[in-house]
N, C-alpha and C. Protein backbone atom coordinates (compact mmCIF):
# COMPACT_ATOMS: atom_id res chain seq x y z
N MET A 1 7.95 15.77 57.23
CA MET A 1 7.38 16.84 57.62
C MET A 1 7.26 17.07 56.24
N GLU A 2 5.54 18.03 55.79
CA GLU A 2 5.76 18.58 54.56
C GLU A 2 5.83 19.64 54.20
N ASP A 3 6.34 20.51 55.05
CA ASP A 3 7.26 21.39 54.18
C ASP A 3 8.38 21.63 53.85
N GLN A 4 9.41 20.06 54.04
CA GLN A 4 10.25 19.93 53.47
C GLN A 4 10.41 20.16 52.13
N LYS A 5 11.79 20.65 51.65
CA LYS A 5 12.47 20.96 50.28
C LYS A 5 13.61 20.33 49.89
N ILE A 6 13.57 19.60 48.71
CA ILE A 6 15.48 19.09 48.96
C ILE A 6 15.97 19.83 48.21
N TYR A 7 17.64 19.89 48.56
CA TYR A 7 18.38 21.04 48.37
C TYR A 7 19.27 20.73 47.48
N GLU A 8 20.20 21.54 47.14
CA GLU A 8 21.46 20.63 46.69
C GLU A 8 22.80 22.20 47.13
N MET A 9 23.45 21.12 47.48
CA MET A 9 25.09 21.69 48.62
C MET A 9 25.64 22.00 47.50
N ALA A 10 27.04 22.39 46.84
CA ALA A 10 27.77 22.22 46.36
C ALA A 10 28.75 22.44 47.09
N THR A 11 30.42 22.30 47.06
CA THR A 11 31.17 22.77 47.92
C THR A 11 32.32 22.71 47.03
N ILE A 12 33.22 23.35 47.46
CA ILE A 12 34.24 23.87 46.47
C ILE A 12 35.77 23.10 47.95
N PHE A 13 36.71 22.99 47.91
CA PHE A 13 37.84 22.56 49.09
C PHE A 13 38.90 22.71 48.35
N ARG A 14 39.60 22.86 49.19
CA ARG A 14 41.28 23.45 49.42
C ARG A 14 41.85 22.50 48.51
N PRO A 15 42.74 23.78 47.69
CA PRO A 15 43.26 21.78 47.19
C PRO A 15 44.16 20.83 47.66
N GLU A 16 45.16 22.22 48.50
CA GLU A 16 45.99 21.26 49.34
C GLU A 16 45.89 20.11 50.27
N LEU A 17 44.37 20.22 50.71
CA LEU A 17 43.76 19.15 51.60
C LEU A 17 44.29 17.41 50.63
N GLU A 18 44.17 17.59 49.75
CA GLU A 18 44.16 15.82 48.97
C GLU A 18 45.44 15.62 49.17
N GLU A 19 46.53 16.28 50.05
CA GLU A 19 47.43 15.39 51.07
C GLU A 19 47.02 13.68 52.19
N ALA A 20 46.21 15.06 53.10
CA ALA A 20 45.46 14.78 54.30
C ALA A 20 44.19 13.96 53.76
N GLY A 21 44.07 13.55 51.91
CA GLY A 21 42.05 13.31 52.07
C GLY A 21 41.52 14.24 52.59
N PHE A 22 40.66 14.31 52.02
CA PHE A 22 39.24 15.18 51.81
C PHE A 22 37.60 14.63 52.75
N ASP A 23 38.10 13.34 53.31
CA ASP A 23 37.24 12.77 53.31
C ASP A 23 36.13 13.00 54.53
N LYS A 24 37.63 13.43 55.31
CA LYS A 24 36.79 14.11 57.24
C LYS A 24 36.63 15.31 56.48
N TYR A 25 37.18 16.33 56.03
CA TYR A 25 36.39 17.52 55.89
C TYR A 25 34.58 17.42 55.34
N ILE A 26 35.33 16.50 53.84
CA ILE A 26 33.77 16.17 53.66
C ILE A 26 32.47 15.74 54.82
N GLU A 27 32.87 14.75 55.48
CA GLU A 27 32.53 14.26 56.51
C GLU A 27 31.14 15.84 57.32
N ALA A 28 32.71 16.23 57.61
CA ALA A 28 32.28 17.37 58.42
C ALA A 28 31.41 18.19 58.03
N VAL A 29 30.52 18.65 56.76
CA VAL A 29 30.05 19.10 55.97
C VAL A 29 28.65 18.70 55.92
N GLU A 30 28.43 16.84 56.19
CA GLU A 30 27.55 15.93 56.61
C GLU A 30 26.72 16.66 57.36
N LYS A 31 27.45 16.70 58.67
CA LYS A 31 27.96 16.07 59.67
C LYS A 31 26.67 17.62 59.79
N SER A 32 27.27 18.19 59.43
CA SER A 32 26.55 19.98 59.35
C SER A 32 25.16 19.16 59.02
N ILE A 33 25.31 19.06 57.56
CA ILE A 33 23.40 18.95 57.28
C ILE A 33 22.88 18.45 58.44
N VAL A 34 23.19 17.36 58.82
CA VAL A 34 22.54 16.04 59.40
C VAL A 34 21.94 17.16 60.59
N SER A 35 22.96 17.95 61.27
CA SER A 35 22.71 17.98 62.76
C SER A 35 21.83 19.68 62.10
N ALA A 36 21.76 20.09 60.81
CA ALA A 36 20.70 21.42 60.63
C ALA A 36 19.44 20.37 60.71
N GLY A 37 18.90 19.53 60.90
CA GLY A 37 18.31 17.88 59.93
C GLY A 37 17.73 18.30 58.83
N GLY A 38 18.90 17.87 58.19
CA GLY A 38 18.30 17.67 57.10
C GLY A 38 18.91 15.83 56.79
N GLU A 39 18.30 15.97 55.71
CA GLU A 39 18.37 13.92 55.78
C GLU A 39 19.39 13.56 54.12
N ILE A 40 20.85 13.41 53.86
CA ILE A 40 21.14 13.04 52.73
C ILE A 40 20.95 11.92 52.01
N ILE A 41 20.69 12.47 51.48
CA ILE A 41 19.66 12.18 49.64
C ILE A 41 20.90 11.60 49.07
N ALA A 42 21.59 12.20 48.58
CA ALA A 42 22.68 11.89 47.74
C ALA A 42 23.80 12.38 47.80
N LYS A 43 25.39 12.12 46.95
CA LYS A 43 26.47 12.80 47.70
C LYS A 43 26.73 12.66 46.26
N ASP A 44 27.28 13.68 45.19
CA ASP A 44 28.29 13.44 44.09
C ASP A 44 29.29 13.79 44.51
N ASP A 45 30.15 12.97 44.04
CA ASP A 45 32.15 13.26 44.58
C ASP A 45 33.26 13.53 43.19
N TRP A 46 32.87 14.95 42.47
CA TRP A 46 33.37 15.29 41.23
C TRP A 46 34.95 15.63 41.51
N GLY A 47 36.02 15.59 42.46
CA GLY A 47 36.91 15.45 42.56
C GLY A 47 37.37 17.00 42.31
N MET A 48 38.79 16.86 41.63
CA MET A 48 39.43 17.54 41.45
C MET A 48 39.23 18.23 40.09
N ARG A 49 38.91 19.47 40.24
CA ARG A 49 38.77 20.66 39.11
C ARG A 49 39.02 21.17 39.13
N GLU A 50 39.33 22.56 37.81
CA GLU A 50 40.04 23.50 37.53
C GLU A 50 38.85 24.90 37.61
N LEU A 51 39.24 25.57 38.51
CA LEU A 51 37.41 26.78 38.64
C LEU A 51 38.17 27.48 37.79
N ALA A 52 36.42 28.00 37.56
CA ALA A 52 36.62 29.26 36.31
C ALA A 52 37.15 30.56 36.46
N TYR A 53 37.48 30.56 37.65
CA TYR A 53 38.36 31.83 38.13
C TYR A 53 38.99 31.19 39.25
N PRO A 54 40.32 32.65 39.78
CA PRO A 54 41.16 31.97 40.40
C PRO A 54 40.14 32.93 41.83
N ILE A 55 40.92 32.49 43.12
CA ILE A 55 39.34 32.36 44.24
C ILE A 55 40.95 32.65 45.24
N LYS A 56 40.59 33.71 45.68
CA LYS A 56 42.11 33.54 46.71
C LYS A 56 43.82 33.15 45.77
N LYS A 57 43.88 32.95 44.86
CA LYS A 57 44.96 32.97 43.86
C LYS A 57 44.87 31.63 43.85
N ILE A 58 43.99 30.46 44.42
CA ILE A 58 43.74 29.32 43.52
C ILE A 58 42.89 29.19 42.78
N THR A 59 44.21 28.03 42.09
CA THR A 59 43.19 28.22 40.69
C THR A 59 42.20 26.73 40.18
N SER A 60 42.32 25.81 41.43
CA SER A 60 41.66 24.38 41.31
C SER A 60 40.95 24.08 42.97
N GLY A 61 40.43 23.24 43.05
CA GLY A 61 39.65 22.67 43.99
C GLY A 61 39.03 21.80 43.97
N TYR A 62 38.70 20.69 45.00
CA TYR A 62 37.69 19.71 45.18
C TYR A 62 36.28 19.31 44.92
N TYR A 63 35.60 19.30 44.37
CA TYR A 63 34.47 19.74 43.45
C TYR A 63 32.99 18.36 44.36
N VAL A 64 32.03 18.57 45.77
CA VAL A 64 31.87 17.96 46.56
C VAL A 64 30.00 18.38 46.41
N PHE A 65 29.14 17.80 45.38
CA PHE A 65 27.71 17.42 46.07
C PHE A 65 27.52 17.34 46.78
N HIS A 66 26.17 17.37 47.63
CA HIS A 66 25.06 16.86 48.45
C HIS A 66 23.82 17.07 47.84
N TYR A 67 22.68 15.91 48.16
CA TYR A 67 21.11 16.12 48.08
C TYR A 67 21.01 16.96 49.09
N PHE A 68 20.04 16.86 49.77
CA PHE A 68 19.16 16.35 50.90
C PHE A 68 18.09 16.72 50.94
N LYS A 69 17.46 16.71 51.85
CA LYS A 69 16.09 17.27 52.15
C LYS A 69 15.51 17.69 53.40
N ALA A 70 15.14 18.67 53.45
CA ALA A 70 14.99 19.64 54.99
C ALA A 70 14.38 21.08 54.48
N ASP A 71 14.30 21.18 56.44
CA ASP A 71 12.72 22.57 56.12
C ASP A 71 13.82 23.53 55.57
N HIS A 72 12.88 25.67 55.24
CA HIS A 72 13.55 26.04 55.21
C HIS A 72 15.13 26.20 55.74
N ALA A 73 15.10 26.35 57.00
CA ALA A 73 15.76 26.97 58.27
C ALA A 73 16.46 26.25 58.10
N ALA A 74 16.87 25.04 57.64
CA ALA A 74 18.08 23.82 57.44
C ALA A 74 19.52 24.98 57.13
N PRO A 75 19.25 25.17 55.71
CA PRO A 75 20.76 25.66 54.40
C PRO A 75 20.76 27.11 55.39
N HIS A 76 20.38 28.15 55.98
CA HIS A 76 21.24 29.33 57.08
C HIS A 76 22.12 28.86 58.37
N LYS A 77 21.23 27.27 58.76
CA LYS A 77 21.75 26.87 59.98
C LYS A 77 23.30 25.66 59.40
N ILE A 78 23.26 25.40 57.78
CA ILE A 78 24.75 24.91 57.40
C ILE A 78 25.33 25.51 56.87
N ARG A 79 25.09 25.93 56.12
CA ARG A 79 25.87 27.68 55.69
C ARG A 79 26.56 28.72 56.71
N ASP A 80 26.05 28.91 57.44
CA ASP A 80 26.84 29.32 59.21
C ASP A 80 27.64 28.52 59.05
N ALA A 81 27.34 26.78 59.49
CA ALA A 81 28.63 26.07 59.73
C ALA A 81 29.88 25.76 59.14
N VAL A 82 29.09 25.74 58.07
CA VAL A 82 30.01 25.31 56.77
C VAL A 82 31.41 27.58 56.18
N MET A 83 30.36 28.33 56.80
CA MET A 83 31.30 28.98 56.61
C MET A 83 32.67 29.36 57.44
N LEU A 84 32.48 29.17 58.49
CA LEU A 84 33.60 29.10 59.38
C LEU A 84 34.95 28.16 59.28
N ASN A 85 34.30 26.66 58.45
CA ASN A 85 35.36 25.82 58.23
C ASN A 85 36.71 26.78 57.00
N GLU A 86 37.19 27.01 57.13
CA GLU A 86 38.39 27.44 56.68
C GLU A 86 38.78 26.98 55.89
N ASN A 87 38.85 25.10 55.26
CA ASN A 87 39.07 24.36 54.09
C ASN A 87 38.59 24.49 52.75
N VAL A 88 36.89 25.21 53.03
CA VAL A 88 36.09 25.27 52.02
C VAL A 88 36.26 26.81 51.28
N LEU A 89 36.23 26.83 50.11
CA LEU A 89 36.31 28.33 48.96
C LEU A 89 35.49 28.35 49.21
N ARG A 90 34.27 27.96 48.17
CA ARG A 90 33.40 28.48 48.40
C ARG A 90 32.06 27.34 48.73
N HIS A 91 30.79 27.76 48.72
CA HIS A 91 29.47 26.47 48.97
C HIS A 91 28.10 27.24 48.41
N MET A 92 27.56 26.75 48.18
CA MET A 92 26.01 27.27 47.66
C MET A 92 25.11 26.03 47.30
N ILE A 93 24.32 26.56 48.26
CA ILE A 93 23.14 25.91 48.34
C ILE A 93 21.66 26.76 47.85
N ILE A 94 21.27 25.95 46.93
CA ILE A 94 20.01 25.85 46.03
C ILE A 94 18.83 24.92 46.49
N ILE A 95 18.14 25.52 45.89
CA ILE A 95 16.17 24.76 46.16
C ILE A 95 16.37 23.50 44.22
N ASN A 96 16.87 22.69 44.90
CA ASN A 96 17.22 21.37 43.87
C ASN A 96 15.46 20.92 42.65
N GLU A 97 15.11 21.50 42.02
CA GLU A 97 13.90 20.94 41.10
C GLU A 97 14.05 19.83 40.47
N TYR A 98 15.33 18.97 39.79
CA TYR A 98 15.89 18.24 39.17
C TYR A 98 17.29 17.60 39.22
N MET A 99 17.01 16.95 39.59
CA MET A 99 18.60 15.74 40.18
C MET A 99 18.57 15.10 38.80
N PRO A 100 20.09 15.04 38.82
CA PRO A 100 20.56 14.43 37.72
C PRO A 100 20.60 12.92 38.09
N ASP A 101 20.44 12.27 36.35
CA ASP A 101 19.79 10.80 36.74
C ASP A 101 21.10 9.89 37.08
N SER A 102 22.39 10.42 36.69
CA SER A 102 23.51 10.03 37.76
C SER A 102 23.61 9.81 39.27
N VAL A 103 22.68 10.52 39.16
CA VAL A 103 22.75 10.79 41.00
C VAL A 103 21.33 9.71 41.31
N LYS A 104 20.71 10.22 40.79
CA LYS A 104 19.56 8.98 40.91
C LYS A 104 19.39 8.26 40.94
N LYS A 105 20.40 7.09 40.21
CA LYS A 105 20.68 6.01 40.18
C LYS A 105 22.00 5.24 40.60
N GLY A 106 22.68 6.47 41.46
CA GLY A 106 23.74 6.55 42.00
C GLY A 106 25.46 6.03 41.16
N GLY A 107 25.33 6.32 39.77
CA GLY A 107 25.82 6.14 39.13
C GLY A 107 26.75 7.50 38.63
N GLY A 108 28.17 7.10 38.23
CA GLY A 108 29.95 8.14 38.31
C GLY A 108 29.87 7.74 38.96
N ASP A 109 29.76 9.08 39.92
CA ASP A 109 30.89 9.51 40.85
C ASP A 109 30.29 9.22 42.24
N GLY A 110 28.51 9.13 41.44
CA GLY A 110 27.50 9.62 42.81
C GLY A 110 27.25 8.83 43.49
N GLU A 111 26.81 8.42 45.24
CA GLU A 111 26.28 7.43 45.49
C GLU A 111 25.20 7.86 46.22
N ALA A 112 24.28 6.35 46.22
CA ALA A 112 22.91 6.31 45.88
C ALA A 112 22.48 6.65 48.01
């Protein structure tokens, strides 16, 4: 489609999920993107990081960034699905104009 844009989605998961593994929770977010009509371009897994400020008395979280191509309605559908997931502390979807070189090349923690 010609009206598709590239979006960046930042997701922060609860730190206590570490014992169970984050893969199934990351997969759930990816399924939300695909089911909303998005095409995942890259994933950048930052891992566990300290939060800038506490969220519900939690001071750290597991950060994952997804870069995807979709039409203008997809971010709303994805947001609705992710908001229902109690394991997500915060998320944000923005239109991405500048994808980091490490993600473009698949370097670092990113996957191309």
